[in-house]
Amino acid sequence: MLKFVNRTDIERCKRTISVILKKRQAITMVTGKRLADMGYRAFSASMMLLTLYGGYLCTMRGYRYMQRQKELKVAAENQDPEMMKD
């Protein structure tokens, strides 16, 4: 059988639907914000790792340069003077 609905029931349904939709939008916005926050953190972490790796590479290059200079100095000191006359 058909049941007749009065105006107050319709208004109550509209308010309920409105509240449900607002809650869904809030959940979606929070999820989007969380996703953006996680992306920012991942990007920041990767930049920190790249910075550390770059520092490591620069340090190792400086170390190898110093070692090479020491080797050249030792080689120059141990060089045979007879070879230099030619």
PDB file of N, CA and C in Angstrom:
ATOM      1  N   MET A   1       0.815  -1.183   0.000  1.00  0.00           N
ATOM      2  CA  MET A   1       0.000   0.000   0.000  1.00  0.00           C
ATOM      3  C   MET A   1       0.859   1.247   0.000  1.00  0.00           C
ATOM      4  N   LEU A   2       0.291   2.276  -0.520  1.00  0.00           N
ATOM      5  CA  LEU A   2       0.990   3.541  -0.556  1.00  0.00           C
ATOM      6  C   LEU A   2       0.870   4.243   0.772  1.00  0.00           C
ATOM      7  N   LYS A   3       2.001   4.780   1.173  1.00  0.00           N
ATOM      8  CA  LYS A   3       1.991   5.547   2.419  1.00  0.00           C
ATOM      9  C   LYS A   3       2.272   6.995   2.046  1.00  0.00           C
ATOM     10  N   PHE A   4       1.443   7.878   2.500  1.00  0.00           N
ATOM     11  CA  PHE A   4       1.617   9.293   2.193  1.00  0.00           C
ATOM     12  C   PHE A   4       2.633   9.898   3.148  1.00  0.00           C
ATOM     13  N   VAL A   5       3.528  10.722   2.596  1.00  0.00           N
ATOM     14  CA  VAL A   5       4.599  11.339   3.381  1.00  0.00           C
ATOM     15  C   VAL A   5       4.261  12.811   3.541  1.00  0.00           C
ATOM     16  N   ASN A   6       4.400  13.282   4.753  1.00  0.00           N
ATOM     17  CA  ASN A   6       4.132  14.701   4.962  1.00  0.00           C
ATOM     18  C   ASN A   6       5.416  15.526   4.773  1.00  0.00           C
ATOM     19  N   ARG A   7       5.257  16.829   4.816  1.00  0.00           N
ATOM     20  CA  ARG A   7       6.361  17.748   4.552  1.00  0.00           C
ATOM     21  C   ARG A   7       7.494  17.630   5.563  1.00  0.00           C
ATOM     22  N   THR A   8       7.201  17.398   6.795  1.00  0.00           N
ATOM     23  CA  THR A   8       8.253  17.302   7.821  1.00  0.00           C
ATOM     24  C   THR A   8       9.143  16.077   7.567  1.00  0.00           C
ATOM     25  N   ASP A   9       8.526  14.990   7.122  1.00  0.00           N
ATOM     26  CA  ASP A   9       9.332  13.807   6.807  1.00  0.00           C
ATOM     27  C   ASP A   9      10.284  14.097   5.632  1.00  0.00           C
ATOM     28  N   ILE A  10       9.800  14.809   4.648  1.00  0.00           N
ATOM     29  CA  ILE A  10      10.636  15.153   3.491  1.00  0.00           C
ATOM     30  C   ILE A  10      11.797  16.047   3.923  1.00  0.00           C
ATOM     31  N   GLU A  11      11.511  17.026   4.750  1.00  0.00           N
ATOM     32  CA  GLU A  11      12.566  17.935   5.230  1.00  0.00           C
ATOM     33  C   GLU A  11      13.598  17.184   6.070  1.00  0.00           C
ATOM     34  N   ARG A  12      13.133  16.274   6.892  1.00  0.00           N
ATOM     35  CA  ARG A  12      14.029  15.466   7.720  1.00  0.00           C
ATOM     36  C   ARG A  12      14.946  14.612   6.839  1.00  0.00           C
ATOM     37  N   CYS A  13      14.380  14.038   5.790  1.00  0.00           N
ATOM     38  CA  CYS A  13      15.180  13.239   4.849  1.00  0.00           C
ATOM     39  C   CYS A  13      16.214  14.112   4.139  1.00  0.00           C
ATOM     40  N   LYS A  14      15.824  15.306   3.734  1.00  0.00           N
ATOM     41  CA  LYS A  14      16.754  16.214   3.069  1.00  0.00           C
ATOM     42  C   LYS A  14      17.915  16.572   3.988  1.00  0.00           C
ATOM     43  N   ARG A  15      17.609  16.864   5.251  1.00  0.00           N
ATOM     44  CA  ARG A  15      18.669  17.198   6.202  1.00  0.00           C
ATOM     45  C   ARG A  15      19.601  16.022   6.429  1.00  0.00           C
ATOM     46  N   THR A  16      19.035  14.831   6.532  1.00  0.00           N
ATOM     47  CA  THR A  16      19.847  13.632   6.731  1.00  0.00           C
ATOM     48  C   THR A  16      20.781  13.405   5.552  1.00  0.00           C
ATOM     49  N   ILE A  17      20.238  13.548   4.353  1.00  0.00           N
ATOM     50  CA  ILE A  17      21.049  13.376   3.147  1.00  0.00           C
ATOM     51  C   ILE A  17      22.143  14.445   3.090  1.00  0.00           C
ATOM     52  N   SER A  18      21.795  15.664   3.451  1.00  0.00           N
ATOM     53  CA  SER A  18      22.771  16.750   3.451  1.00  0.00           C
ATOM     54  C   SER A  18      23.908  16.468   4.428  1.00  0.00           C
ATOM     55  N   VAL A  19      23.573  15.980   5.616  1.00  0.00           N
ATOM     56  CA  VAL A  19      24.601  15.656   6.618  1.00  0.00           C
ATOM     57  C   VAL A  19      25.504  14.529   6.116  1.00  0.00           C
ATOM     58  N   ILE A  20      24.897  13.512   5.508  1.00  0.00           N
ATOM     59  CA  ILE A  20      25.688  12.384   4.988  1.00  0.00           C
ATOM     60  C   ILE A  20      26.650  12.865   3.906  1.00  0.00           C
ATOM     61  N   LEU A  21      26.178  13.714   2.993  1.00  0.00           N
ATOM     62  CA  LEU A  21      27.032  14.222   1.922  1.00  0.00           C
ATOM     63  C   LEU A  21      28.171  15.075   2.474  1.00  0.00           C
ATOM     64  N   LYS A  22      27.883  15.900   3.472  1.00  0.00           N
ATOM     65  CA  LYS A  22      28.929  16.728   4.069  1.00  0.00           C
ATOM     66  C   LYS A  22      29.986  15.856   4.738  1.00  0.00           C
ATOM     67  N   LYS A  23      29.549  14.793   5.408  1.00  0.00           N
ATOM     68  CA  LYS A  23      30.512  13.887   6.048  1.00  0.00           C
ATOM     69  C   LYS A  23      31.387  13.216   5.004  1.00  0.00           C
ATOM     70  N   ARG A  24      30.808  12.820   3.888  1.00  0.00           N
ATOM     71  CA  ARG A  24      31.586  12.184   2.820  1.00  0.00           C
ATOM     72  C   ARG A  24      32.618  13.146   2.254  1.00  0.00           C
ATOM     73  N   GLN A  25      32.226  14.398   2.049  1.00  0.00           N
ATOM     74  CA  GLN A  25      33.164  15.390   1.533  1.00  0.00           C
ATOM     75  C   GLN A  25      34.287  15.617   2.527  1.00  0.00           C
ATOM     76  N   ALA A  26      33.967  15.650   3.815  1.00  0.00           N
ATOM     77  CA  ALA A  26      34.990  15.840   4.834  1.00  0.00           C
ATOM     78  C   ALA A  26      35.963  14.668   4.837  1.00  0.00           C
ATOM     79  N   ILE A  27      35.453  13.455   4.696  1.00  0.00           N
ATOM     80  CA  ILE A  27      36.309  12.278   4.655  1.00  0.00           C
ATOM     81  C   ILE A  27      37.200  12.327   3.421  1.00  0.00           C
ATOM     82  N   THR A  28      36.640  12.717   2.287  1.00  0.00           N
ATOM     83  CA  THR A  28      37.414  12.813   1.063  1.00  0.00           C
ATOM     84  C   THR A  28      38.490  13.873   1.190  1.00  0.00           C
ATOM     85  N   MET A  29      38.181  15.000   1.782  1.00  0.00           N
ATOM     86  CA  MET A  29      39.157  16.066   1.944  1.00  0.00           C
ATOM     87  C   MET A  29      40.276  15.623   2.881  1.00  0.00           C
ATOM     88  N   VAL A  30      39.948  14.945   3.956  1.00  0.00           N
ATOM     89  CA  VAL A  30      40.970  14.470   4.882  1.00  0.00           C
ATOM     90  C   VAL A  30      41.859  13.454   4.185  1.00  0.00           C
ATOM     91  N   THR A  31      41.276  12.562   3.414  1.00  0.00           N
ATOM     92  CA  THR A  31      42.056  11.570   2.699  1.00  0.00           C
ATOM     93  C   THR A  31      42.974  12.243   1.686  1.00  0.00           C
ATOM     94  N   GLY A  32      42.481  13.224   0.987  1.00  0.00           N
ATOM     95  CA  GLY A  32      43.312  13.969   0.040  1.00  0.00           C
ATOM     96  C   GLY A  32      44.441  14.692   0.740  1.00  0.00           C
ATOM     97  N   LYS A  33      44.140  15.270   1.889  1.00  0.00           N
ATOM     98  CA  LYS A  33      45.164  15.973   2.657  1.00  0.00           C
ATOM     99  C   LYS A  33      46.216  14.991   3.150  1.00  0.00           C
ATOM    100  N   ARG A  34      45.774  13.850   3.608  1.00  0.00           N
ATOM    101  CA  ARG A  34      46.731  12.835   4.069  1.00  0.00           C
ATOM    102  C   ARG A  34      47.611  12.361   2.924  1.00  0.00           C
ATOM    103  N   LEU A  35      47.015  12.167   1.769  1.00  0.00           N
ATOM    104  CA  LEU A  35      47.775  11.730   0.601  1.00  0.00           C
ATOM    105  C   LEU A  35      48.814  12.777   0.222  1.00  0.00           C
ATOM    106  N   ALA A  36      48.420  14.039   0.227  1.00  0.00           N
ATOM    107  CA  ALA A  36      49.362  15.119  -0.088  1.00  0.00           C
ATOM    108  C   ALA A  36      50.468  15.179   0.962  1.00  0.00           C
ATOM    109  N   ASP A  37      50.118  14.981   2.220  1.00  0.00           N
ATOM    110  CA  ASP A  37      51.105  15.014   3.300  1.00  0.00           C
ATOM    111  C   ASP A  37      52.101  13.862   3.153  1.00  0.00           C
ATOM    112  N   MET A  38      51.602  12.685   2.820  1.00  0.00           N
ATOM    113  CA  MET A  38      52.502  11.545   2.628  1.00  0.00           C
ATOM    114  C   MET A  38      53.416  11.773   1.429  1.00  0.00           C
ATOM    115  N   GLY A  39      52.885  12.350   0.369  1.00  0.00           N
ATOM    116  CA  GLY A  39      53.706  12.650  -0.801  1.00  0.00           C
ATOM    117  C   GLY A  39      54.794  13.655  -0.481  1.00  0.00           C
ATOM    118  N   TYR A  40      54.443  14.667   0.311  1.00  0.00           N
ATOM    119  CA  TYR A  40      55.431  15.672   0.713  1.00  0.00           C
ATOM    120  C   TYR A  40      56.518  15.044   1.568  1.00  0.00           C
ATOM    121  N   ARG A  41      56.128  14.187   2.486  1.00  0.00           N
ATOM    122  CA  ARG A  41      57.120  13.529   3.345  1.00  0.00           C
ATOM    123  C   ARG A  41      58.028  12.607   2.550  1.00  0.00           C
ATOM    124  N   ALA A  42      57.461  11.883   1.601  1.00  0.00           N
ATOM    125  CA  ALA A  42      58.273  10.992   0.766  1.00  0.00           C
ATOM    126  C   ALA A  42      59.268  11.812  -0.067  1.00  0.00           C
ATOM    127  N   PHE A  43      58.803  12.909  -0.638  1.00  0.00           N
ATOM    128  CA  PHE A  43      59.683  13.772  -1.426  1.00  0.00           C
ATOM    129  C   PHE A  43      60.790  14.353  -0.557  1.00  0.00           C
ATOM    130  N   SER A  44      60.433  14.812   0.641  1.00  0.00           N
ATOM    131  CA  SER A  44      61.440  15.383   1.542  1.00  0.00           C
ATOM    132  C   SER A  44      62.472  14.334   1.945  1.00  0.00           C
ATOM    133  N   ALA A  45      62.015  13.129   2.221  1.00  0.00           N
ATOM    134  CA  ALA A  45      62.947  12.060   2.599  1.00  0.00           C
ATOM    135  C   ALA A  45      63.886  11.733   1.449  1.00  0.00           C
ATOM    136  N   SER A  46      63.362  11.688   0.236  1.00  0.00           N
ATOM    137  CA  SER A  46      64.225  11.381  -0.908  1.00  0.00           C
ATOM    138  C   SER A  46      65.241  12.498  -1.124  1.00  0.00           C
ATOM    139  N   MET A  47      64.857  13.749  -0.923  1.00  0.00           N
ATOM    140  CA  MET A  47      65.800  14.855  -1.064  1.00  0.00           C
ATOM    141  C   MET A  47      66.887  14.796   0.004  1.00  0.00           C
ATOM    142  N   MET A  48      66.517  14.400   1.230  1.00  0.00           N
ATOM    143  CA  MET A  48      67.529  14.260   2.284  1.00  0.00           C
ATOM    144  C   MET A  48      68.513  13.154   1.940  1.00  0.00           C
ATOM    145  N   LEU A  49      68.017  12.039   1.431  1.00  0.00           N
ATOM    146  CA  LEU A  49      68.906  10.943   1.050  1.00  0.00           C
ATOM    147  C   LEU A  49      69.835  11.358  -0.084  1.00  0.00           C
ATOM    148  N   LEU A  50      69.304  12.070  -1.069  1.00  0.00           N
ATOM    149  CA  LEU A  50      70.151  12.547  -2.161  1.00  0.00           C
ATOM    150  C   LEU A  50      71.218  13.512  -1.664  1.00  0.00           C
ATOM    151  N   THR A  51      70.872  14.363  -0.712  1.00  0.00           N
ATOM    152  CA  THR A  51      71.839  15.298  -0.143  1.00  0.00           C
ATOM    153  C   THR A  51      72.948  14.546   0.584  1.00  0.00           C
ATOM    154  N   LEU A  52      72.568  13.553   1.375  1.00  0.00           N
ATOM    155  CA  LEU A  52      73.571  12.754   2.084  1.00  0.00           C
ATOM    156  C   LEU A  52      74.471  12.016   1.104  1.00  0.00           C
ATOM    157  N   TYR A  53      73.889  11.442   0.057  1.00  0.00           N
ATOM    158  CA  TYR A  53      74.676  10.725  -0.933  1.00  0.00           C
ATOM    159  C   TYR A  53      75.625  11.674  -1.668  1.00  0.00           C
ATOM    160  N   GLY A  54      75.148  12.863  -1.997  1.00  0.00           N
ATOM    161  CA  GLY A  54      76.004  13.859  -2.641  1.00  0.00           C
ATOM    162  C   GLY A  54      77.164  14.261  -1.746  1.00  0.00           C
ATOM    163  N   GLY A  55      76.897  14.428  -0.452  1.00  0.00           N
ATOM    164  CA  GLY A  55      77.969  14.733   0.494  1.00  0.00           C
ATOM    165  C   GLY A  55      78.991  13.620   0.567  1.00  0.00           C
ATOM    166  N   TYR A  56      78.502  12.393   0.556  1.00  0.00           N
ATOM    167  CA  TYR A  56      79.400  11.234   0.572  1.00  0.00           C
ATOM    168  C   TYR A  56      80.290  11.228  -0.668  1.00  0.00           C
ATOM    169  N   LEU A  57      79.687  11.463  -1.841  1.00  0.00           N
ATOM    170  CA  LEU A  57      80.466  11.479  -3.085  1.00  0.00           C
ATOM    171  C   LEU A  57      81.525  12.579  -3.068  1.00  0.00           C
ATOM    172  N   CYS A  58      81.166  13.754  -2.593  1.00  0.00           N
ATOM    173  CA  CYS A  58      82.139  14.855  -2.527  1.00  0.00           C
ATOM    174  C   CYS A  58      83.273  14.522  -1.561  1.00  0.00           C
ATOM    175  N   THR A  59      82.933  13.939  -0.427  1.00  0.00           N
ATOM    176  CA  THR A  59      83.957  13.562   0.548  1.00  0.00           C
ATOM    177  C   THR A  59      84.905  12.526  -0.024  1.00  0.00           C
ATOM    178  N   MET A  60      84.360  11.519  -0.684  1.00  0.00           N
ATOM    179  CA  MET A  60      85.211  10.479  -1.262  1.00  0.00           C
ATOM    180  C   MET A  60      86.095  11.034  -2.376  1.00  0.00           C
ATOM    181  N   ARG A  61      85.573  11.948  -3.151  1.00  0.00           N
ATOM    182  CA  ARG A  61      86.385  12.549  -4.216  1.00  0.00           C
ATOM    183  C   ARG A  61      87.533  13.353  -3.619  1.00  0.00           C
ATOM    184  N   GLY A  62      87.260  14.103  -2.562  1.00  0.00           N
ATOM    185  CA  GLY A  62      88.314  14.852  -1.868  1.00  0.00           C
ATOM    186  C   GLY A  62      89.354  13.918  -1.262  1.00  0.00           C
ATOM    187  N   TYR A  63      88.901  12.831  -0.685  1.00  0.00           N
ATOM    188  CA  TYR A  63      89.816  11.853  -0.087  1.00  0.00           C
ATOM    189  C   TYR A  63      90.717  11.246  -1.158  1.00  0.00           C
ATOM    190  N   ARG A  64      90.130  10.845  -2.287  1.00  0.00           N
ATOM    191  CA  ARG A  64      90.938  10.272  -3.370  1.00  0.00           C
ATOM    192  C   ARG A  64      91.931  11.286  -3.928  1.00  0.00           C
ATOM    193  N   TYR A  65      91.539  12.554  -4.000  1.00  0.00           N
ATOM    194  CA  TYR A  65      92.437  13.605  -4.468  1.00  0.00           C
ATOM    195  C   TYR A  65      93.639  13.730  -3.533  1.00  0.00           C
ATOM    196  N   MET A  66      93.377  13.746  -2.221  1.00  0.00           N
ATOM    197  CA  MET A  66      94.467  13.858  -1.251  1.00  0.00           C
ATOM    198  C   MET A  66      95.395  12.646  -1.323  1.00  0.00           C
ATOM    199  N   GLN A  67      94.818  11.454  -1.466  1.00  0.00           N
ATOM    200  CA  GLN A  67      95.636  10.250  -1.580  1.00  0.00           C
ATOM    201  C   GLN A  67      96.502  10.300  -2.837  1.00  0.00           C
ATOM    202  N   ARG A  68      95.950  10.757  -3.935  1.00  0.00           N
ATOM    203  CA  ARG A  68      96.706  10.836  -5.189  1.00  0.00           C
ATOM    204  C   ARG A  68      97.853  11.836  -5.062  1.00  0.00           C
ATOM    205  N   GLN A  69      97.596  12.962  -4.372  1.00  0.00           N
ATOM    206  CA  GLN A  69      98.660  13.948  -4.171  1.00  0.00           C
ATOM    207  C   GLN A  69      99.793  13.359  -3.338  1.00  0.00           C
ATOM    208  N   LYS A  70      99.457  12.586  -2.310  1.00  0.00           N
ATOM    209  CA  LYS A  70     100.480  11.927  -1.492  1.00  0.00           C
ATOM    210  C   LYS A  70     101.282  10.937  -2.325  1.00  0.00           C
ATOM    211  N   GLU A  71     100.600  10.148  -3.153  1.00  0.00           N
ATOM    212  CA  GLU A  71     101.285   9.180  -4.011  1.00  0.00           C
ATOM    213  C   GLU A  71     102.230   9.880  -4.984  1.00  0.00           C
ATOM    214  N   LEU A  72     101.805  10.977  -5.573  1.00  0.00           N
ATOM    215  CA  LEU A  72     102.656  11.715  -6.498  1.00  0.00           C
ATOM    216  C   LEU A  72     103.875  12.309  -5.792  1.00  0.00           C
ATOM    217  N   LYS A  73     103.668  12.783  -4.573  1.00  0.00           N
ATOM    218  CA  LYS A  73     104.776  13.348  -3.800  1.00  0.00           C
ATOM    219  C   LYS A  73     105.807  12.275  -3.483  1.00  0.00           C
ATOM    220  N   VAL A  74     105.344  11.097  -3.031  1.00  0.00           N
ATOM    221  CA  VAL A  74     106.243   9.981  -2.733  1.00  0.00           C
ATOM    222  C   VAL A  74     106.956   9.530  -4.000  1.00  0.00           C
ATOM    223  N   ALA A  75     106.253   9.453  -5.117  1.00  0.00           N
ATOM    224  CA  ALA A  75     106.868   9.041  -6.382  1.00  0.00           C
ATOM    225  C   ALA A  75     107.935  10.049  -6.823  1.00  0.00           C
ATOM    226  N   ALA A  76     107.669  11.347  -6.618  1.00  0.00           N
ATOM    227  CA  ALA A  76     108.644  12.374  -6.992  1.00  0.00           C
ATOM    228  C   ALA A  76     109.881  12.290  -6.110  1.00  0.00           C
ATOM    229  N   GLU A  77     109.714  11.997  -4.818  1.00  0.00           N
ATOM    230  CA  GLU A  77     110.849  11.884  -3.906  1.00  0.00           C
ATOM    231  C   GLU A  77     111.693  10.649  -4.205  1.00  0.00           C
ATOM    232  N   ASN A  78     111.065   9.582  -4.653  1.00  0.00           N
ATOM    233  CA  ASN A  78     111.768   8.330  -4.913  1.00  0.00           C
ATOM    234  C   ASN A  78     112.271   8.215  -6.348  1.00  0.00           C
ATOM    235  N   GLN A  79     112.127   9.247  -7.117  1.00  0.00           N
ATOM    236  CA  GLN A  79     112.519   9.194  -8.522  1.00  0.00           C
ATOM    237  C   GLN A  79     114.044   9.140  -8.628  1.00  0.00           C
ATOM    238  N   ASP A  80     114.519   8.376  -9.584  1.00  0.00           N
ATOM    239  CA  ASP A  80     115.968   8.197  -9.794  1.00  0.00           C
ATOM    240  C   ASP A  80     116.534   9.463 -10.438  1.00  0.00           C
ATOM    241  N   PRO A  81     117.538  10.095  -9.830  1.00  0.00           N
ATOM    242  CA  PRO A  81     118.125  11.317 -10.408  1.00  0.00           C
ATOM    243  C   PRO A  81     118.808  11.072 -11.751  1.00  0.00           C
ATOM    244  N   GLU A  82     119.264   9.849 -12.001  1.00  0.00           N
ATOM    245  CA  GLU A  82     119.928   9.540 -13.265  1.00  0.00           C
ATOM    246  C   GLU A  82     118.943   9.650 -14.439  1.00  0.00           C
ATOM    247  N   MET A  83     117.677   9.326 -14.205  1.00  0.00           N
ATOM    248  CA  MET A  83     116.668   9.391 -15.277  1.00  0.00           C
ATOM    249  C   MET A  83     116.369  10.844 -15.628  1.00  0.00           C
ATOM    250  N   MET A  84     116.526  11.732 -14.671  1.00  0.00           N
ATOM    251  CA  MET A  84     116.193  13.140 -14.912  1.00  0.00           C
ATOM    252  C   MET A  84     117.249  13.829 -15.780  1.00  0.00           C
ATOM    253  N   LYS A  85     118.461  13.245 -15.891  1.00  0.00           N
ATOM    254  CA  LYS A  85     119.520  13.871 -16.702  1.00  0.00           C
ATOM    255  C   LYS A  85     119.208  13.794 -18.194  1.00  0.00           C
ATOM    256  N   ASP A  86     118.435  12.844 -18.600  1.00  0.00           N
ATOM    257  CA  ASP A  86     118.156  12.681 -20.045  1.00  0.00           C
ATOM    258  C   ASP A  86     117.356  13.787 -20.539  1.00  0.00           C
TER     259      ASP A  86
END
